[in-house]
Each structure stands twice: as structure tokens, then as C-alpha cells.
Amino acid sequence: MNKIKSFTVDHIRLKKGVYVSRVDYLGNEVVTTFDLRMKLPNKETLENEPIHTLEHLIATFVRNDVEFADKVVYFGPMGCLTGMYLILHGEYTSEAVLPLLKRAFDFAAQYEGDIPGVSEIECGTYKLHSLTKAKVEASDYLEVLNQIQPDQLVYPEKKTRS
């Protein structure tokens, strides 16, 4: 079997940042998958409660954003719990989505009120949330986004080990 692209990324050298994970061409349509790396791989992880709350808050935000609402295909957590995926209809660069991500994570960092979609009817694990912790994670990642450097926008080249 061929190795999938995400397993070819050098997770030892990967920094927190915003990366184009893949660009897929589906007939005449294009979708771009972004790796929103919030934690250092194999050193830090997101907890389930805040990542679940961030999923609800930011998915709601981006699907209501004036510029990107009709472009959002998916927003949700990575299985490794080090970040989120954002999938957009169209071909985009990391730089092009930075303003959206800054707005979204600022929204989550400042959010007050009921978490969208948190009821037994609307969510499969509706008790697994923490707005307080989600706001901390959103603030931490917003700081990364506000100070982002070029090497946090393109995956590091994989170095072979001898």
C-alpha cells in the first residue's frame, strides 16, 4: 500500500502553524485541506473537552463567515489531538486563510454564552465540553497565528535518518 501524504510529513521538525496538507482535484472541483497545527507533535496534545468545544465554536463561525461560508467543507479535530483540519472548496494558500483563522480563533477566545449545538439532540457527546479550556487553547493558537513565520506555513522537508 502507498503511504498517505500526512504520514510523509516530518513530525519531528513540524512546528505549530498553518499548513496546506493536501490539494485534491475532484473532476473540475478543487478542495484544499489545511493542517492547523496547534500543538507540537509527540510533545503536547489537546484535551478532548476543549477540542470538542473548539470544533463547535469554530465550525459554526467559519460556516457563517461572510467570505468563506460557502467554501467550508469541514472543520474538525485531528485524530492525534495536535490540531484541527479545515477543508475548503477551492485552491488556497496558508497565507490566504490566515485572516479567517485569526477571526475564528479570536471569536473562540472571546466567546461568552452557550456553546452552539450542545444538547442531547444536537451532539453525540454533549457533556464532553469545556468553554474555559477551549478559550485558553484558542488564545494560545491565536498568538501563534499573530506571530506566524514563513516556516510555519510550509511543511518542513523530511530529513532521512541514517
C-alpha atoms as a PDB file:
ATOM      1  CA  MET A   1       0.000   0.000   0.000  1.00  0.00           C
ATOM      2  CA  ASN A   2       1.107   3.557  -0.681  1.00  0.00           C
ATOM      3  CA  LYS A   3       1.786   5.739   2.337  1.00  0.00           C
ATOM      4  CA  ILE A   4      -0.781   8.529   2.711  1.00  0.00           C
ATOM      5  CA  LYS A   5       0.580  12.070   2.435  1.00  0.00           C
ATOM      6  CA  SER A   6       0.099  13.025   6.092  1.00  0.00           C
ATOM      7  CA  PHE A   7       2.407  10.156   7.126  1.00  0.00           C
ATOM      8  CA  THR A   8       5.198  11.602   4.978  1.00  0.00           C
ATOM      9  CA  VAL A   9       5.370  14.853   6.993  1.00  0.00           C
ATOM     10  CA  ASP A  10       8.401  15.157   9.282  1.00  0.00           C
ATOM     11  CA  HIS A  11       6.607  15.397  12.633  1.00  0.00           C
ATOM     12  CA  ILE A  12       9.922  15.774  14.465  1.00  0.00           C
ATOM     13  CA  ARG A  13      10.599  19.135  12.780  1.00  0.00           C
ATOM     14  CA  LEU A  14       6.965  20.259  12.474  1.00  0.00           C
ATOM     15  CA  LYS A  15       6.109  23.490  14.293  1.00  0.00           C
ATOM     16  CA  LYS A  16       2.813  24.971  15.336  1.00  0.00           C
ATOM     17  CA  GLY A  17       1.370  26.711  12.309  1.00  0.00           C
ATOM     18  CA  VAL A  18      -0.945  26.560   9.289  1.00  0.00           C
ATOM     19  CA  TYR A  19      -0.035  24.119   6.532  1.00  0.00           C
ATOM     20  CA  VAL A  20      -1.596  23.042   3.262  1.00  0.00           C
ATOM     21  CA  SER A  21      -1.915  19.345   3.957  1.00  0.00           C
ATOM     22  CA  ARG A  22      -3.196  18.474   0.504  1.00  0.00           C
ATOM     23  CA  VAL A  23      -4.918  19.819  -2.575  1.00  0.00           C
ATOM     24  CA  ASP A  24      -7.328  17.398  -4.230  1.00  0.00           C
ATOM     25  CA  TYR A  25      -8.795  17.654  -7.701  1.00  0.00           C
ATOM     26  CA  LEU A  26     -12.222  16.049  -7.964  1.00  0.00           C
ATOM     27  CA  GLY A  27     -13.158  16.355 -11.614  1.00  0.00           C
ATOM     28  CA  ASN A  28     -13.461  20.109 -12.183  1.00  0.00           C
ATOM     29  CA  GLU A  29     -13.572  20.830  -8.456  1.00  0.00           C
ATOM     30  CA  VAL A  30     -10.673  21.515  -6.103  1.00  0.00           C
ATOM     31  CA  VAL A  31     -10.555  21.173  -2.318  1.00  0.00           C
ATOM     32  CA  THR A  32      -7.728  22.278  -0.042  1.00  0.00           C
ATOM     33  CA  THR A  33      -7.107  20.615   3.318  1.00  0.00           C
ATOM     34  CA  PHE A  34      -5.341  22.687   5.960  1.00  0.00           C
ATOM     35  CA  ASP A  35      -3.410  21.304   8.900  1.00  0.00           C
ATOM     36  CA  LEU A  36      -3.964  23.769  11.744  1.00  0.00           C
ATOM     37  CA  ARG A  37      -1.167  22.554  13.995  1.00  0.00           C
ATOM     38  CA  MET A  38      -1.902  23.814  17.489  1.00  0.00           C
ATOM     39  CA  LYS A  39       0.463  21.575  19.463  1.00  0.00           C
ATOM     40  CA  LEU A  40       3.956  20.211  18.930  1.00  0.00           C
ATOM     41  CA  PRO A  41       3.716  16.622  17.692  1.00  0.00           C
ATOM     42  CA  ASN A  42       4.685  13.914  20.175  1.00  0.00           C
ATOM     43  CA  LYS A  43       5.197  16.529  22.906  1.00  0.00           C
ATOM     44  CA  GLU A  44       1.763  18.075  23.532  1.00  0.00           C
ATOM     45  CA  THR A  45      -1.869  17.179  22.926  1.00  0.00           C
ATOM     46  CA  LEU A  46      -5.225  18.860  23.120  1.00  0.00           C
ATOM     47  CA  GLU A  47      -7.650  17.516  25.689  1.00  0.00           C
ATOM     48  CA  ASN A  48     -10.957  16.111  24.468  1.00  0.00           C
ATOM     49  CA  GLU A  49     -13.245  18.660  26.141  1.00  0.00           C
ATOM     50  CA  PRO A  50     -11.632  21.842  24.745  1.00  0.00           C
ATOM     51  CA  ILE A  51     -11.013  20.385  21.288  1.00  0.00           C
ATOM     52  CA  HIS A  52     -14.687  19.359  21.116  1.00  0.00           C
ATOM     53  CA  THR A  53     -15.798  22.834  22.187  1.00  0.00           C
ATOM     54  CA  LEU A  54     -13.446  24.459  19.661  1.00  0.00           C
ATOM     55  CA  GLU A  55     -14.920  22.231  16.968  1.00  0.00           C
ATOM     56  CA  HIS A  56     -18.425  23.504  17.789  1.00  0.00           C
ATOM     57  CA  LEU A  57     -17.408  27.166  18.087  1.00  0.00           C
ATOM     58  CA  ILE A  58     -15.108  27.439  15.083  1.00  0.00           C
ATOM     59  CA  ALA A  59     -17.133  25.215  12.767  1.00  0.00           C
ATOM     60  CA  THR A  60     -20.115  27.456  13.499  1.00  0.00           C
ATOM     61  CA  PHE A  61     -18.030  30.598  12.984  1.00  0.00           C
ATOM     62  CA  VAL A  62     -16.397  29.616   9.681  1.00  0.00           C
ATOM     63  CA  ARG A  63     -19.688  28.334   8.255  1.00  0.00           C
ATOM     64  CA  ASN A  64     -21.152  31.773   8.959  1.00  0.00           C
ATOM     65  CA  ASP A  65     -18.172  33.838   7.788  1.00  0.00           C
ATOM     66  CA  VAL A  66     -19.167  36.286   5.048  1.00  0.00           C
ATOM     67  CA  GLU A  67     -16.160  35.477   2.857  1.00  0.00           C
ATOM     68  CA  PHE A  68     -15.808  31.712   3.417  1.00  0.00           C
ATOM     69  CA  ALA A  69     -19.223  30.351   4.461  1.00  0.00           C
ATOM     70  CA  ASP A  70     -19.940  28.748   1.102  1.00  0.00           C
ATOM     71  CA  LYS A  71     -16.376  27.383   0.830  1.00  0.00           C
ATOM     72  CA  VAL A  72     -16.221  25.361   4.081  1.00  0.00           C
ATOM     73  CA  VAL A  73     -16.426  21.612   3.548  1.00  0.00           C
ATOM     74  CA  TYR A  74     -15.245  20.509   7.005  1.00  0.00           C
ATOM     75  CA  PHE A  75     -13.713  21.742  10.239  1.00  0.00           C
ATOM     76  CA  GLY A  76     -12.767  19.306  12.979  1.00  0.00           C
ATOM     77  CA  PRO A  77     -10.070  17.723  15.129  1.00  0.00           C
ATOM     78  CA  MET A  78      -7.115  15.600  14.100  1.00  0.00           C
ATOM     79  CA  GLY A  79      -7.081  12.094  15.464  1.00  0.00           C
ATOM     80  CA  CYS A  80      -3.646  12.715  17.025  1.00  0.00           C
ATOM     81  CA  LEU A  81      -5.118  15.614  19.046  1.00  0.00           C
ATOM     82  CA  THR A  82      -2.445  18.103  17.983  1.00  0.00           C
ATOM     83  CA  GLY A  83      -4.671  20.344  15.910  1.00  0.00           C
ATOM     84  CA  MET A  84      -7.596  20.713  13.562  1.00  0.00           C
ATOM     85  CA  TYR A  85      -8.336  20.235   9.888  1.00  0.00           C
ATOM     86  CA  LEU A  86     -10.055  22.845   7.768  1.00  0.00           C
ATOM     87  CA  ILE A  87     -11.185  21.742   4.325  1.00  0.00           C
ATOM     88  CA  LEU A  88     -12.203  24.424   1.839  1.00  0.00           C
ATOM     89  CA  HIS A  89     -13.739  24.195  -1.610  1.00  0.00           C
ATOM     90  CA  GLY A  90     -11.203  25.810  -3.914  1.00  0.00           C
ATOM     91  CA  GLU A  91      -7.442  26.133  -4.008  1.00  0.00           C
ATOM     92  CA  TYR A  92      -5.967  28.292  -1.259  1.00  0.00           C
ATOM     93  CA  THR A  93      -2.600  29.009   0.346  1.00  0.00           C
ATOM     94  CA  SER A  94      -1.878  29.117   4.047  1.00  0.00           C
ATOM     95  CA  GLU A  95      -1.441  32.885   3.793  1.00  0.00           C
ATOM     96  CA  ALA A  96      -4.880  33.250   2.193  1.00  0.00           C
ATOM     97  CA  VAL A  97      -6.688  31.620   5.133  1.00  0.00           C
ATOM     98  CA  LEU A  98      -4.762  33.389   7.903  1.00  0.00           C
ATOM     99  CA  PRO A  99      -7.277  36.261   8.200  1.00  0.00           C
ATOM    100  CA  LEU A 100     -10.156  33.764   8.513  1.00  0.00           C
ATOM    101  CA  LEU A 101      -8.299  31.742  11.134  1.00  0.00           C
ATOM    102  CA  LYS A 102      -7.400  34.829  13.141  1.00  0.00           C
ATOM    103  CA  ARG A 103     -11.055  35.906  13.160  1.00  0.00           C
ATOM    104  CA  ALA A 104     -12.231  32.412  14.085  1.00  0.00           C
ATOM    105  CA  PHE A 105      -9.783  31.812  16.918  1.00  0.00           C
ATOM    106  CA  ASP A 106     -10.311  35.344  18.249  1.00  0.00           C
ATOM    107  CA  PHE A 107     -14.053  34.635  18.242  1.00  0.00           C
ATOM    108  CA  ALA A 108     -13.477  31.421  20.221  1.00  0.00           C
ATOM    109  CA  ALA A 109     -11.030  33.086  22.637  1.00  0.00           C
ATOM    110  CA  GLN A 110     -13.569  35.827  23.437  1.00  0.00           C
ATOM    111  CA  TYR A 111     -16.721  33.693  23.336  1.00  0.00           C
ATOM    112  CA  GLU A 112     -19.301  34.067  26.082  1.00  0.00           C
ATOM    113  CA  GLY A 113     -22.613  32.257  26.257  1.00  0.00           C
ATOM    114  CA  ASP A 114     -23.962  28.859  25.377  1.00  0.00           C
ATOM    115  CA  ILE A 115     -21.794  26.673  23.166  1.00  0.00           C
ATOM    116  CA  PRO A 116     -23.572  26.117  19.818  1.00  0.00           C
ATOM    117  CA  GLY A 117     -25.009  22.651  19.286  1.00  0.00           C
ATOM    118  CA  VAL A 118     -24.607  21.392  22.838  1.00  0.00           C
ATOM    119  CA  SER A 119     -27.679  19.393  23.694  1.00  0.00           C
ATOM    120  CA  GLU A 120     -28.509  15.729  23.726  1.00  0.00           C
ATOM    121  CA  ILE A 121     -30.445  16.185  20.482  1.00  0.00           C
ATOM    122  CA  GLU A 122     -27.683  18.136  18.657  1.00  0.00           C
ATOM    123  CA  CYS A 123     -24.469  16.407  19.768  1.00  0.00           C
ATOM    124  CA  GLY A 124     -23.380  12.800  20.250  1.00  0.00           C
ATOM    125  CA  THR A 125     -21.269  13.586  23.325  1.00  0.00           C
ATOM    126  CA  TYR A 126     -22.908  16.768  24.527  1.00  0.00           C
ATOM    127  CA  LYS A 127     -21.424  16.622  28.041  1.00  0.00           C
ATOM    128  CA  LEU A 128     -17.816  16.484  26.746  1.00  0.00           C
ATOM    129  CA  HIS A 129     -17.112  20.238  26.608  1.00  0.00           C
ATOM    130  CA  SER A 130     -15.106  22.931  28.379  1.00  0.00           C
ATOM    131  CA  LEU A 131     -15.559  26.523  27.264  1.00  0.00           C
ATOM    132  CA  THR A 132     -12.948  27.717  29.764  1.00  0.00           C
ATOM    133  CA  LYS A 133     -10.254  25.377  28.420  1.00  0.00           C
ATOM    134  CA  ALA A 134     -11.313  25.987  24.819  1.00  0.00           C
ATOM    135  CA  LYS A 135     -10.823  29.720  25.277  1.00  0.00           C
ATOM    136  CA  VAL A 136      -7.300  29.119  26.584  1.00  0.00           C
ATOM    137  CA  GLU A 137      -6.445  26.882  23.608  1.00  0.00           C
ATOM    138  CA  ALA A 138      -7.946  29.409  21.192  1.00  0.00           C
ATOM    139  CA  SER A 139      -5.928  32.242  22.773  1.00  0.00           C
ATOM    140  CA  ASP A 140      -2.725  30.196  22.620  1.00  0.00           C
ATOM    141  CA  TYR A 141      -3.211  29.362  18.940  1.00  0.00           C
ATOM    142  CA  LEU A 142      -4.257  32.926  18.115  1.00  0.00           C
ATOM    143  CA  GLU A 143      -0.880  34.018  19.497  1.00  0.00           C
ATOM    144  CA  VAL A 144       0.796  31.553  17.095  1.00  0.00           C
ATOM    145  CA  LEU A 145      -1.270  32.922  14.200  1.00  0.00           C
ATOM    146  CA  ASN A 146      -0.464  36.532  15.091  1.00  0.00           C
ATOM    147  CA  GLN A 147       3.299  35.839  15.175  1.00  0.00           C
ATOM    148  CA  ILE A 148       3.492  33.299  12.359  1.00  0.00           C
ATOM    149  CA  GLN A 149       6.731  32.965  10.402  1.00  0.00           C
ATOM    150  CA  PRO A 150       7.240  31.605   6.860  1.00  0.00           C
ATOM    151  CA  ASP A 151       8.495  28.244   8.188  1.00  0.00           C
ATOM    152  CA  GLN A 152       5.169  27.800   9.976  1.00  0.00           C
ATOM    153  CA  LEU A 153       3.261  27.966   6.677  1.00  0.00           C
ATOM    154  CA  VAL A 154       5.021  25.217   4.680  1.00  0.00           C
ATOM    155  CA  TYR A 155       5.744  21.694   5.873  1.00  0.00           C
ATOM    156  CA  PRO A 156       9.408  21.117   6.706  1.00  0.00           C
ATOM    157  CA  GLU A 157      11.310  18.974   4.260  1.00  0.00           C
ATOM    158  CA  LYS A 158      11.649  15.472   5.580  1.00  0.00           C
ATOM    159  CA  LYS A 159      15.192  14.539   6.521  1.00  0.00           C
ATOM    160  CA  THR A 160      16.173  10.933   6.212  1.00  0.00           C
ATOM    161  CA  ARG A 161      17.615   9.221   9.250  1.00  0.00           C
ATOM    162  CA  SER A 162      20.709   7.103   8.920  1.00  0.00           C
END
